Protein backbone atom coordinates (compact mmCIF):
# COMPACT_ATOMS: atom_id res chain seq x y z
CA MET A 1 -26.73 1.06 -53.89
CA ARG A 2 -23.32 0.48 -55.79
CA THR A 3 -20.34 2.35 -54.74
CA THR A 4 -17.60 3.62 -57.17
CA ARG A 5 -13.91 3.46 -56.08
CA ASN A 6 -12.20 6.70 -54.64
CA MET A 7 -8.99 5.39 -53.73
CA ASN A 8 -5.77 4.56 -56.09
CA ARG A 9 -3.77 1.51 -55.60
CA LEU A 10 -0.81 2.99 -53.37
CA ASP A 11 -3.50 4.39 -51.10
CA GLN A 12 -5.04 0.79 -51.04
CA LEU A 13 -1.59 -0.70 -50.53
CA VAL A 14 -0.61 2.01 -47.55
CA ARG A 15 -4.18 1.08 -45.91
CA LEU A 16 -3.59 -2.83 -46.14
CA VAL A 17 -0.12 -2.45 -44.58
CA PHE A 18 -1.65 -0.10 -42.03
CA GLY A 19 -4.60 -1.95 -41.09
CA SER A 20 -2.73 -5.19 -40.90
CA LEU A 21 -0.08 -3.36 -38.43
CA LEU A 22 -2.90 -2.02 -36.42
CA ILE A 23 -4.54 -5.55 -35.90
CA TYR A 24 -1.42 -7.04 -34.92
CA ALA A 25 -0.32 -4.52 -32.47
CA SER A 26 -3.81 -4.88 -30.69
CA VAL A 27 -3.39 -8.49 -30.59
CA THR A 28 0.18 -8.67 -29.50
CA LEU A 29 1.37 -5.43 -27.96
CA VAL A 30 -1.77 -4.00 -26.23
CA GLU A 31 -2.64 -5.27 -22.84
CA SER A 32 -5.62 -3.51 -22.03
CA LEU A 33 -8.83 -4.68 -24.02
CA LEU A 34 -10.61 -1.13 -23.90
CA VAL A 35 -7.47 0.00 -25.96
CA ALA A 36 -7.05 -3.21 -28.15
CA VAL A 37 -10.49 -3.41 -29.48
CA PRO A 38 -10.54 0.02 -30.88
CA ILE A 39 -7.20 -0.43 -32.52
CA ALA A 40 -8.10 -3.64 -34.07
CA LEU A 41 -11.61 -2.27 -35.71
CA PHE A 42 -9.94 0.63 -36.79
CA GLY A 43 -7.83 -2.09 -38.54
CA VAL A 44 -10.45 -3.69 -40.07
CA VAL A 45 -12.20 -0.97 -41.46
CA ASN A 46 -8.79 0.16 -43.12
CA LEU A 47 -8.45 -3.68 -44.39
CA LEU A 48 -11.87 -3.36 -45.60
CA SER A 49 -11.50 -0.05 -47.19
CA ALA A 50 -8.49 -1.49 -48.95
CA ALA A 51 -10.29 -4.40 -50.37
CA TYR A 52 -13.00 -2.14 -51.82
CA GLY A 53 -11.03 0.52 -52.81
CA TYR A 54 -13.79 2.86 -51.40
CA CYS A 55 -13.39 5.21 -48.58
CA PRO A 56 -16.42 6.75 -46.99
CA VAL A 57 -14.71 9.62 -45.54
CA TYR A 58 -13.39 10.44 -49.12
CA SER A 59 -16.84 10.24 -50.34
CA PHE A 60 -18.24 12.57 -47.76
CA LEU A 61 -15.55 14.95 -48.37
CA GLY A 62 -15.78 14.89 -52.27
CA ILE A 63 -12.40 13.93 -52.50
CA THR A 64 -10.60 11.12 -54.53
CA SER A 65 -6.77 9.71 -54.43
CA LEU A 66 -7.62 8.57 -58.35
CA SER A 67 -5.77 10.58 -61.07
CA ASP A 68 -8.74 10.32 -63.41
CA PRO A 69 -12.03 8.67 -61.51
CA CYS A 70 -13.23 7.79 -64.97
CA THR A 71 -10.47 5.53 -65.86
CA GLU A 72 -10.44 3.49 -62.93
CA ASP A 73 -14.35 3.09 -62.13
CA ASP A 74 -15.05 -0.59 -62.52
CA SER A 75 -18.42 0.57 -64.26
CA ALA A 76 -16.39 1.83 -67.17
CA PRO A 77 -16.54 -0.37 -70.34
CA ASN A 78 -13.44 -2.02 -71.31
CA GLN A 79 -11.67 -2.59 -74.46
CA SER A 80 -14.36 -4.82 -76.24
CA GLY A 81 -16.89 -1.78 -75.24
CA ARG A 82 -18.78 -4.08 -72.23
CA LYS A 83 -19.26 -3.44 -69.22
């Protein structure tokens, strides 16, 4: 199953920074393992979401942060007309 992007570059950058900070905080600042593991997992989910440009929550809610989803979709043909 192929997923299409539903996040713009700014959204991806914010998730990349936020996910990195969460992982850093869970490793260095949080002492309790019961708290650190969920924080780290949430950070990893944000990093993966940023890397793929796809947010499952956005998809479930039917929203996108793209200004025009057709122009930033990876499946759209490029200048030469090829996919």
